[in-house]
Protein backbone atom coordinates (compact mmCIF):
# COMPACT_ATOMS: atom_id res chain seq x y z
CA ILE A 1 0.00 0.00 0.00
CA SER A 2 1.39 3.35 -1.02
CA ALA A 3 -0.06 5.64 1.63
CA ASP A 4 1.18 8.97 0.32
CA ASN A 5 -0.03 8.73 -3.26
CA TYR A 6 -1.87 12.02 -3.64
CA SER A 7 -3.39 11.05 -7.00
CA ALA A 8 -4.83 7.83 -5.59
CA TRP A 9 -6.55 9.71 -2.75
CA ASN A 10 -8.02 12.15 -5.27
CA ILE A 11 -9.44 9.23 -7.24
CA ARG A 12 -10.94 7.94 -3.98
CA LYS A 13 -12.59 11.36 -3.47
CA HIS A 14 -14.04 11.14 -6.97
CA LEU A 15 -15.44 7.67 -6.20
CA LEU A 16 -17.11 8.99 -3.05
CA GLU A 17 -18.55 12.05 -4.74
CA HIS A 18 -20.08 9.88 -7.47
CA LYS A 19 -21.34 7.30 -4.96
CA LEU A 20 -19.19 4.53 -6.43
CA THR A 21 -18.06 3.62 -2.93
CA THR A 22 -19.54 4.18 0.52
CA VAL A 23 -18.30 6.29 3.40
CA GLU A 24 -18.11 3.15 5.53
CA ASP A 25 -15.95 1.30 2.99
CA GLU A 26 -13.69 4.32 2.57
CA VAL A 27 -13.19 4.62 6.34
CA LYS A 28 -12.27 0.92 6.47
CA LEU A 29 -9.69 1.43 3.73
CA ILE A 30 -8.21 4.44 5.51
CA ASP A 31 -8.09 2.49 8.78
CA LEU A 32 -6.19 -0.28 7.01
CA VAL A 33 -3.72 2.18 5.50
CA LEU A 34 -3.20 3.92 8.84
CA SER A 35 -2.58 0.58 10.54
CA LYS A 36 0.48 0.21 8.30
CA HIS A 37 1.40 3.89 7.88
CA PRO A 38 0.15 5.84 10.94
CA LYS A 39 2.15 8.96 10.03
CA SER A 40 0.98 9.25 6.43
CA CYS A 41 0.26 12.91 5.75
CA GLU A 42 -1.86 12.22 2.66
CA THR A 43 -3.95 9.55 4.39
CA TRP A 44 -4.75 11.86 7.32
CA ALA A 45 -5.51 14.67 4.82
CA HIS A 46 -7.99 12.39 3.03
CA ARG A 47 -9.61 11.50 6.36
CA ARG A 48 -9.91 15.24 7.19
CA TRP A 49 -11.49 15.82 3.78
CA MET A 50 -14.00 13.08 4.54
CA LEU A 51 -14.68 14.57 7.98
CA HIS A 52 -15.45 17.90 6.34
CA HIS A 53 -17.79 16.38 3.74
CA TYR A 54 -19.40 13.65 5.85
CA THR A 55 -19.42 15.20 9.33
CA GLU A 56 -22.59 13.50 10.54
CA ASP A 57 -21.33 10.05 9.50
CA PHE A 58 -18.11 10.70 11.41
CA ALA A 59 -19.99 11.96 14.48
CA ARG A 60 -21.98 8.71 14.61
CA GLY A 61 -18.69 6.79 14.56
CA TRP A 62 -16.94 8.97 17.14
CA GLU A 63 -15.65 6.00 19.16
CA ARG A 64 -13.93 4.63 16.04
CA GLU A 65 -12.32 8.01 15.36
CA ILE A 66 -10.92 8.29 18.87
CA LYS A 67 -9.63 4.70 18.69
CA ILE A 68 -7.79 5.27 15.39
CA CYS A 69 -6.15 8.39 16.83
CA VAL A 70 -5.19 6.55 20.04
CA ARG A 71 -3.76 3.64 18.07
CA SER A 72 -1.67 6.01 15.96
CA VAL A 73 -0.26 8.00 18.88
CA GLU A 74 0.53 4.84 20.82
CA LYS A 75 2.88 3.86 17.98
CA TYR A 76 4.24 7.39 17.57
CA PRO A 77 3.42 9.67 20.55
CA LYS A 78 4.40 12.80 18.62
CA ASN A 79 2.27 11.94 15.58
CA TYR A 80 1.30 15.45 14.51
CA TYR A 81 -1.25 14.24 11.96
CA ALA A 82 -3.16 12.05 14.43
CA TRP A 83 -3.27 14.76 17.10
CA THR A 84 -4.32 17.40 14.56
CA PHE A 85 -7.07 15.17 13.21
CA ARG A 86 -8.32 14.49 16.72
CA ILE A 87 -8.56 18.22 17.46
CA ARG A 88 -10.26 18.92 14.12
CA PHE A 89 -12.67 16.03 14.69
CA ILE A 90 -13.71 17.45 18.06
CA GLU A 91 -14.09 20.97 16.67
CA ASP A 92 -16.19 19.83 13.72
CA THR A 93 -18.46 17.37 15.51
CA LEU A 94 -18.80 18.72 19.06
CA THR A 95 -22.42 19.78 18.67
CA LEU A 96 -23.30 16.33 17.27
CA LEU A 97 -21.58 14.29 20.00
CA PRO A 98 -23.07 13.01 23.27
CA PRO A 99 -23.11 15.66 26.03
CA SER A 100 -20.60 13.72 28.13
CA PHE A 101 -18.08 13.42 25.30
CA LEU A 102 -15.99 16.50 26.04
CA SER A 103 -15.42 15.72 29.72
CA GLU A 104 -14.59 12.10 28.87
CA GLU A 105 -12.18 13.24 26.15
CA MET A 106 -10.44 15.60 28.54
CA LYS A 107 -10.02 12.71 30.98
CA ARG A 108 -8.67 10.45 28.20
CA ILE A 109 -6.11 13.05 27.17
CA ASP A 110 -5.14 13.75 30.78
CA ASP A 111 -4.68 10.01 31.47
CA TRP A 112 -2.65 9.60 28.27
CA SER A 113 -0.39 12.55 29.06
CA ARG A 114 0.43 11.09 32.49
CA LYS A 115 1.80 7.84 31.01
């Protein structure tokens, strides 16, 4: 898997826009790529693009999004792309998330930073 192939990710965007693939299938592909290349700039950029265009779908899968970020920063604690995505995810979906999410997220980050 070539994670940083910008042209390939643009083709994937085209497939999504024309409903030739589903958001769920695309997220699964991105998760697979990130499992092998957790610091891939282009992969995280594609996930941010999806977050922007499919915010409600991402909000429904908020636990998955937190898990993928956690998995990436456990491998590379200073993974800028994972941390940035996590912040952007929270900013973009906060009003769609359960009321307890923010306090739980603050606790998760606090616990993680104390490791």
